[in-house]
């Protein structure tokens, strides 16, 4: 998966919420975008759709002193999932507060999208 997507997950109480799954990519020397196995997670919109630019500031222009918002300081940041190898491999969730049930839903979505 090389595109940012919106996905609904159900929490432990049965309430659905929208999240944004952003793959972290690496550009090869031949200018191809390749998945790194790292996916950053953000709160999505209440209406079920949001784009990352609505919640994450655009990178500053050269010469501007405005820093990017660090994920850990971003109130919409929900953590990250890292796969060891391809998306069918072992994974690890960190830096967030998603429940085990929510994490599993995100992992299954990523695995199904990448298969």
Protein backbone atom coordinates (compact mmCIF):
# COMPACT_ATOMS: atom_id res chain seq x y z
CA UNK A 1 0.00 0.00 0.00
CA UNK A 2 1.58 3.26 -1.09
CA UNK A 3 -1.40 5.59 -0.74
CA UNK A 4 -2.86 7.17 2.38
CA UNK A 5 -6.30 5.70 3.08
CA UNK A 6 -9.25 6.17 5.42
CA UNK A 7 -10.56 3.13 7.27
CA UNK A 8 -13.26 2.61 9.91
CA UNK A 9 -12.44 0.59 13.02
CA UNK A 10 -14.73 -0.50 15.81
CA UNK A 11 -13.61 0.13 19.38
CA UNK A 12 -14.13 -2.25 22.31
CA UNK A 13 -17.56 -0.67 22.99
CA UNK A 14 -18.81 -1.19 19.43
CA UNK A 15 -18.43 2.44 18.36
CA UNK A 16 -16.98 3.03 14.91
CA UNK A 17 -14.42 5.71 14.23
CA UNK A 18 -12.54 6.72 11.14
CA UNK A 19 -8.75 6.61 11.06
CA UNK A 20 -6.19 7.63 8.48
CA UNK A 21 -3.50 5.07 7.62
CA UNK A 22 -0.43 6.72 6.13
CA UNK A 23 2.31 4.45 4.76
CA UNK A 24 5.85 5.75 5.25
CA UNK A 25 7.60 5.38 1.90
CA UNK A 26 11.18 5.32 0.67
CA UNK A 27 12.18 6.61 -2.76
CA UNK A 28 14.66 4.34 -4.52
CA UNK A 29 17.52 5.55 -6.69
CA UNK A 30 15.29 4.81 -9.71
CA UNK A 31 12.68 7.19 -8.19
CA UNK A 32 10.18 4.43 -7.36
CA UNK A 33 8.25 4.68 -4.11
CA UNK A 34 8.64 1.59 -1.95
CA UNK A 35 6.88 0.64 1.26
CA UNK A 36 9.03 0.60 4.39
CA UNK A 37 6.62 -1.51 6.46
CA UNK A 38 5.84 1.47 8.72
CA UNK A 39 2.31 2.90 8.85
CA UNK A 40 1.37 6.02 10.83
CA UNK A 41 -2.16 6.31 12.16
CA UNK A 42 -4.21 9.47 12.68
CA UNK A 43 -7.77 10.29 13.69
CA UNK A 44 -10.00 10.71 10.67
CA UNK A 45 -12.98 12.98 10.25
CA UNK A 46 -16.31 12.47 12.00
CA UNK A 47 -18.00 12.14 8.64
CA UNK A 48 -15.83 9.14 7.77
CA UNK A 49 -13.53 10.90 5.36
CA UNK A 50 -10.57 13.16 5.93
CA UNK A 51 -7.38 13.88 4.14
CA UNK A 52 -4.08 14.09 5.91
CA UNK A 53 -3.57 17.72 4.91
CA UNK A 54 -6.61 18.64 6.98
CA UNK A 55 -4.89 17.48 10.17
CA UNK A 56 -1.16 17.75 9.42
CA UNK A 57 0.37 21.07 8.51
CA UNK A 58 2.06 21.32 5.13
CA UNK A 59 5.85 21.33 5.27
CA UNK A 60 7.31 24.81 5.63
CA UNK A 61 8.78 26.52 2.60
CA UNK A 62 12.52 27.03 2.41
CA UNK A 63 13.45 29.92 4.65
CA UNK A 64 10.41 29.66 6.92
CA UNK A 65 11.10 28.94 10.56
CA UNK A 66 7.77 27.21 11.21
CA UNK A 67 8.56 23.63 12.28
CA UNK A 68 6.50 20.59 11.35
CA UNK A 69 4.18 19.31 14.03
CA UNK A 70 5.85 16.37 15.74
CA UNK A 71 3.62 13.28 15.72
CA UNK A 72 3.88 12.84 19.48
CA UNK A 73 2.56 16.40 19.95
CA UNK A 74 -0.20 15.99 17.37
CA UNK A 75 -3.52 15.38 19.17
CA UNK A 76 -4.76 13.41 16.14
CA UNK A 77 -1.82 10.97 16.15
CA UNK A 78 -2.86 7.43 17.11
CA UNK A 79 0.49 5.67 16.88
CA UNK A 80 2.27 3.54 14.33
CA UNK A 81 2.39 -0.05 13.15
CA UNK A 82 5.67 -1.55 11.93
CA UNK A 83 5.81 -4.82 10.02
CA UNK A 84 8.98 -6.92 10.16
CA UNK A 85 9.39 -7.60 6.45
CA UNK A 86 6.26 -7.74 4.32
CA UNK A 87 2.75 -7.06 5.58
CA UNK A 88 2.11 -10.74 6.31
CA UNK A 89 4.98 -10.79 8.81
CA UNK A 90 5.09 -10.09 12.51
CA UNK A 91 4.08 -6.55 13.47
CA UNK A 92 4.48 -4.15 16.39
CA UNK A 93 2.27 -1.22 17.47
CA UNK A 94 3.77 1.72 19.37
CA UNK A 95 3.31 5.36 20.40
CA UNK A 96 -0.46 5.27 20.65
CA UNK A 97 -3.55 4.23 22.54
CA UNK A 98 -5.45 1.93 20.17
CA UNK A 99 -6.85 -1.16 21.85
CA UNK A 100 -5.64 -4.63 20.83
CA UNK A 101 -8.94 -5.11 18.98
CA UNK A 102 -8.51 -1.85 17.03
CA UNK A 103 -4.88 -2.68 16.25
CA UNK A 104 -5.89 -6.07 14.86
CA UNK A 105 -8.49 -4.46 12.57
CA UNK A 106 -5.89 -2.05 11.16
CA UNK A 107 -3.38 -4.87 10.64
CA UNK A 108 -5.96 -7.02 8.85
CA UNK A 109 -6.93 -4.09 6.62
CA UNK A 110 -3.28 -3.43 5.68
CA UNK A 111 -2.65 -7.13 5.05
CA UNK A 112 -5.77 -7.46 2.87
CA UNK A 113 -4.88 -4.30 0.95
CA UNK A 114 -1.34 -5.54 0.30
CA UNK A 115 -2.33 -9.06 -0.76
